[in-house]
N, C-alpha and C. Protein backbone atom coordinates (compact mmCIF):
# COMPACT_ATOMS: atom_id res chain seq x y z
N MET A 1 0.39 -36.58 3.52
CA MET A 1 0.93 -37.33 4.64
C MET A 1 2.37 -36.90 4.96
N LEU A 2 3.17 -36.69 3.91
CA LEU A 2 4.56 -36.29 4.09
C LEU A 2 4.69 -34.94 4.81
N PRO A 3 3.86 -33.92 4.47
CA PRO A 3 3.96 -32.65 5.20
C PRO A 3 3.64 -32.80 6.69
N ILE A 4 2.72 -33.67 7.03
CA ILE A 4 2.37 -33.88 8.44
C ILE A 4 3.56 -34.46 9.19
N ILE A 5 4.23 -35.43 8.59
CA ILE A 5 5.41 -36.03 9.22
C ILE A 5 6.51 -34.98 9.38
N ALA A 6 6.70 -34.17 8.35
CA ALA A 6 7.73 -33.12 8.42
C ALA A 6 7.42 -32.13 9.54
N ILE A 7 6.16 -31.78 9.71
CA ILE A 7 5.76 -30.86 10.78
C ILE A 7 5.99 -31.49 12.14
N LEU A 8 5.67 -32.77 12.29
CA LEU A 8 5.89 -33.47 13.57
C LEU A 8 7.38 -33.55 13.90
N VAL A 9 8.20 -33.87 12.90
CA VAL A 9 9.64 -33.95 13.13
C VAL A 9 10.19 -32.58 13.52
N LEU A 10 9.76 -31.53 12.83
CA LEU A 10 10.20 -30.18 13.15
C LEU A 10 9.76 -29.79 14.56
N GLY A 11 8.54 -30.15 14.93
CA GLY A 11 8.04 -29.86 16.28
C GLY A 11 8.87 -30.55 17.34
N CYS A 12 9.21 -31.82 17.12
CA CYS A 12 10.04 -32.55 18.07
C CYS A 12 11.43 -31.92 18.18
N PHE A 13 11.99 -31.52 17.05
CA PHE A 13 13.30 -30.90 17.02
C PHE A 13 13.30 -29.59 17.82
N LEU A 14 12.30 -28.75 17.58
CA LEU A 14 12.22 -27.47 18.29
C LEU A 14 11.97 -27.69 19.78
N GLY A 15 11.17 -28.68 20.13
CA GLY A 15 10.94 -29.00 21.54
C GLY A 15 12.23 -29.45 22.22
N GLY A 16 13.03 -30.24 21.52
CA GLY A 16 14.32 -30.68 22.06
C GLY A 16 15.27 -29.54 22.29
N ILE A 17 15.30 -28.61 21.36
CA ILE A 17 16.16 -27.43 21.51
C ILE A 17 15.72 -26.61 22.72
N SER A 18 14.43 -26.45 22.90
CA SER A 18 13.91 -25.70 24.04
C SER A 18 14.31 -26.36 25.36
N ASN A 19 14.19 -27.68 25.44
CA ASN A 19 14.57 -28.40 26.66
C ASN A 19 16.07 -28.29 26.91
N LEU A 20 16.88 -28.34 25.86
CA LEU A 20 18.32 -28.20 25.99
C LEU A 20 18.67 -26.82 26.53
N SER A 21 18.01 -25.80 26.04
CA SER A 21 18.24 -24.44 26.50
C SER A 21 17.89 -24.29 27.98
N LYS A 22 16.79 -24.88 28.40
CA LYS A 22 16.38 -24.82 29.81
C LYS A 22 17.40 -25.53 30.69
N GLY A 23 17.96 -26.65 30.19
CA GLY A 23 18.97 -27.38 30.94
C GLY A 23 20.23 -26.55 31.14
N HIS A 24 20.66 -25.83 30.10
CA HIS A 24 21.83 -24.96 30.21
C HIS A 24 21.57 -23.82 31.18
N ALA A 25 20.38 -23.28 31.17
CA ALA A 25 20.05 -22.18 32.08
C ALA A 25 20.15 -22.65 33.53
N GLU A 26 19.66 -23.85 33.82
CA GLU A 26 19.74 -24.39 35.18
C GLU A 26 21.19 -24.64 35.57
N GLU A 27 21.99 -25.16 34.65
CA GLU A 27 23.41 -25.40 34.92
C GLU A 27 24.13 -24.08 35.20
N ASP A 28 23.82 -23.04 34.44
CA ASP A 28 24.44 -21.73 34.65
C ASP A 28 24.10 -21.19 36.04
N LYS A 29 22.87 -21.35 36.43
CA LYS A 29 22.43 -20.87 37.75
C LYS A 29 23.16 -21.62 38.86
N GLN A 30 23.25 -22.94 38.72
CA GLN A 30 23.95 -23.75 39.72
C GLN A 30 25.43 -23.41 39.76
N ARG A 31 26.03 -23.17 38.60
CA ARG A 31 27.44 -22.81 38.54
C ARG A 31 27.69 -21.49 39.25
N LEU A 32 26.82 -20.50 39.04
CA LEU A 32 26.97 -19.22 39.73
C LEU A 32 26.89 -19.40 41.24
N GLU A 33 25.93 -20.19 41.69
CA GLU A 33 25.79 -20.42 43.13
C GLU A 33 27.03 -21.12 43.69
N GLU A 34 27.56 -22.06 42.95
CA GLU A 34 28.77 -22.77 43.38
C GLU A 34 29.97 -21.84 43.46
N VAL A 35 30.13 -20.99 42.45
CA VAL A 35 31.24 -20.03 42.44
C VAL A 35 31.11 -19.06 43.62
N LEU A 36 29.90 -18.61 43.90
CA LEU A 36 29.70 -17.72 45.04
C LEU A 36 30.10 -18.40 46.34
N ARG A 37 29.67 -19.64 46.53
CA ARG A 37 30.01 -20.37 47.75
C ARG A 37 31.52 -20.58 47.87
N GLN A 38 32.18 -20.93 46.78
CA GLN A 38 33.62 -21.14 46.80
C GLN A 38 34.35 -19.86 47.21
N ASN A 39 33.91 -18.74 46.69
CA ASN A 39 34.56 -17.48 47.01
C ASN A 39 34.25 -17.02 48.43
N VAL A 40 33.08 -17.32 48.93
CA VAL A 40 32.74 -17.02 50.31
C VAL A 40 33.67 -17.79 51.24
N VAL A 41 33.88 -19.07 50.94
CA VAL A 41 34.78 -19.90 51.75
C VAL A 41 36.22 -19.42 51.62
N ALA A 42 36.62 -19.04 50.41
CA ALA A 42 37.97 -18.51 50.20
C ALA A 42 38.19 -17.24 51.02
N CYS A 43 37.19 -16.40 51.06
CA CYS A 43 37.28 -15.17 51.86
C CYS A 43 37.48 -15.51 53.33
N TYR A 44 36.70 -16.46 53.82
CA TYR A 44 36.81 -16.86 55.23
C TYR A 44 38.20 -17.43 55.51
N ALA A 45 38.71 -18.25 54.58
CA ALA A 45 40.01 -18.89 54.78
C ALA A 45 41.15 -17.87 54.76
N THR A 46 41.05 -16.87 53.92
CA THR A 46 42.16 -15.91 53.80
C THR A 46 42.02 -14.70 54.72
N GLU A 47 40.78 -14.27 54.98
CA GLU A 47 40.59 -13.04 55.74
C GLU A 47 40.03 -13.26 57.15
N GLY A 48 39.55 -14.47 57.41
CA GLY A 48 39.07 -14.79 58.76
C GLY A 48 37.62 -14.40 59.02
N PHE A 49 36.91 -13.98 57.99
CA PHE A 49 35.49 -13.67 58.15
C PHE A 49 34.77 -13.92 56.83
N TYR A 50 33.47 -14.17 56.92
CA TYR A 50 32.67 -14.32 55.72
C TYR A 50 32.31 -12.92 55.21
N PRO A 51 32.21 -12.75 53.89
CA PRO A 51 31.88 -11.43 53.35
C PRO A 51 30.55 -10.91 53.88
N PRO A 52 30.46 -9.63 54.17
CA PRO A 52 29.22 -9.08 54.70
C PRO A 52 28.10 -9.01 53.66
N ASP A 53 28.48 -8.94 52.38
CA ASP A 53 27.47 -8.85 51.32
C ASP A 53 28.09 -9.23 49.97
N ILE A 54 27.24 -9.30 48.96
CA ILE A 54 27.69 -9.65 47.62
C ILE A 54 28.63 -8.57 47.06
N ALA A 55 28.37 -7.32 47.39
CA ALA A 55 29.21 -6.23 46.89
C ALA A 55 30.67 -6.44 47.30
N TYR A 56 30.90 -6.99 48.48
CA TYR A 56 32.26 -7.27 48.94
C TYR A 56 32.92 -8.29 48.02
N LEU A 57 32.18 -9.34 47.66
CA LEU A 57 32.72 -10.35 46.74
C LEU A 57 33.01 -9.75 45.37
N GLU A 58 32.13 -8.90 44.91
CA GLU A 58 32.32 -8.27 43.61
C GLU A 58 33.57 -7.37 43.62
N GLU A 59 33.74 -6.63 44.69
CA GLU A 59 34.85 -5.68 44.77
C GLU A 59 36.20 -6.35 45.02
N HIS A 60 36.23 -7.32 45.94
CA HIS A 60 37.50 -7.91 46.36
C HIS A 60 37.84 -9.24 45.68
N TYR A 61 36.87 -9.91 45.11
CA TYR A 61 37.11 -11.23 44.53
C TYR A 61 36.76 -11.30 43.05
N GLY A 62 36.39 -10.19 42.46
CA GLY A 62 36.14 -10.14 41.03
C GLY A 62 34.91 -10.89 40.56
N ILE A 63 33.99 -11.17 41.46
CA ILE A 63 32.76 -11.86 41.08
C ILE A 63 31.94 -10.94 40.20
N GLN A 64 31.41 -11.49 39.10
CA GLN A 64 30.54 -10.74 38.21
C GLN A 64 29.22 -11.49 38.09
N ILE A 65 28.14 -10.81 38.40
CA ILE A 65 26.81 -11.41 38.34
C ILE A 65 26.01 -10.70 37.27
N ASP A 66 25.41 -11.46 36.39
CA ASP A 66 24.53 -10.90 35.36
C ASP A 66 23.21 -10.53 36.03
N LYS A 67 23.12 -9.29 36.49
CA LYS A 67 21.96 -8.85 37.27
C LYS A 67 20.70 -8.71 36.43
N SER A 68 20.87 -8.73 35.11
CA SER A 68 19.68 -8.73 34.25
C SER A 68 19.07 -10.13 34.17
N ARG A 69 19.84 -11.12 34.60
CA ARG A 69 19.39 -12.51 34.50
C ARG A 69 19.15 -13.17 35.86
N TYR A 70 19.91 -12.74 36.90
CA TYR A 70 19.84 -13.40 38.20
C TYR A 70 19.59 -12.41 39.33
N VAL A 71 18.96 -12.92 40.37
CA VAL A 71 18.84 -12.22 41.64
C VAL A 71 19.53 -13.11 42.66
N VAL A 72 20.44 -12.53 43.44
CA VAL A 72 21.15 -13.30 44.45
C VAL A 72 20.67 -12.85 45.81
N LYS A 73 20.15 -13.80 46.56
CA LYS A 73 19.75 -13.55 47.95
C LYS A 73 20.92 -13.97 48.83
N TYR A 74 21.50 -13.01 49.53
CA TYR A 74 22.69 -13.25 50.35
C TYR A 74 22.36 -12.78 51.76
N THR A 75 22.28 -13.71 52.68
CA THR A 75 21.94 -13.36 54.06
C THR A 75 23.12 -13.70 54.96
N ALA A 76 23.82 -12.65 55.39
CA ALA A 76 24.95 -12.83 56.30
C ALA A 76 24.40 -12.87 57.73
N ILE A 77 24.78 -13.89 58.45
CA ILE A 77 24.28 -14.08 59.82
C ILE A 77 25.27 -13.48 60.81
N ALA A 78 26.53 -13.86 60.65
CA ALA A 78 27.61 -13.34 61.50
C ALA A 78 28.92 -13.54 60.73
N GLU A 79 29.97 -12.86 61.16
CA GLU A 79 31.25 -12.97 60.46
C GLU A 79 31.82 -14.38 60.47
N ASN A 80 31.42 -15.19 61.47
CA ASN A 80 31.99 -16.53 61.58
C ASN A 80 30.99 -17.64 61.21
N LEU A 81 29.85 -17.29 60.64
CA LEU A 81 28.86 -18.28 60.20
C LEU A 81 28.64 -18.14 58.70
N MET A 82 28.61 -19.29 58.03
CA MET A 82 28.41 -19.31 56.58
C MET A 82 27.09 -18.62 56.23
N PRO A 83 27.13 -17.65 55.33
CA PRO A 83 25.89 -16.96 54.93
C PRO A 83 25.00 -17.87 54.10
N ASP A 84 23.74 -17.54 54.05
CA ASP A 84 22.78 -18.26 53.22
C ASP A 84 22.81 -17.61 51.84
N ILE A 85 23.04 -18.42 50.79
CA ILE A 85 23.14 -17.91 49.43
C ILE A 85 22.13 -18.64 48.56
N THR A 86 21.27 -17.87 47.90
CA THR A 86 20.31 -18.45 46.96
C THR A 86 20.35 -17.63 45.68
N VAL A 87 20.46 -18.32 44.55
CA VAL A 87 20.47 -17.67 43.25
C VAL A 87 19.13 -17.98 42.58
N LEU A 88 18.45 -16.93 42.16
CA LEU A 88 17.16 -17.07 41.47
C LEU A 88 17.29 -16.49 40.08
N GLU A 89 16.74 -17.20 39.11
CA GLU A 89 16.76 -16.68 37.74
C GLU A 89 15.53 -15.81 37.55
N LYS A 90 15.75 -14.63 36.97
CA LYS A 90 14.64 -13.73 36.67
C LYS A 90 13.80 -14.33 35.56
N GLN A 91 12.51 -14.11 35.62
CA GLN A 91 11.61 -14.60 34.58
C GLN A 91 11.75 -13.72 33.37
N SER A 92 11.87 -14.36 32.20
CA SER A 92 11.92 -13.57 30.97
C SER A 92 10.51 -13.27 30.51
N HIS A 93 10.33 -12.13 29.87
CA HIS A 93 9.01 -11.70 29.40
C HIS A 93 8.95 -11.87 27.88
N GLU A 94 9.00 -13.13 27.44
CA GLU A 94 8.96 -13.39 26.00
C GLU A 94 7.55 -13.54 25.52
């Protein structure tokens, strides 16, 4: 009986760790999207136009994106319209 309880407790513990890890991954993704938006607005405020692409943010604003982990969809509409920014997490092949 005791080994069964120990296995159940261990299973619950490991499940909790997995959920915690998923929560951090979502927070990291949201934080990246927020940082991108803040820098896009900063660019508009200081330079008078929205960045034409992510490469511009990387070069002029020091943005670093973990491209092994995220895909950033950046759609610039016009220099005076806020671009559409979507951050997607790549699926891991575990």
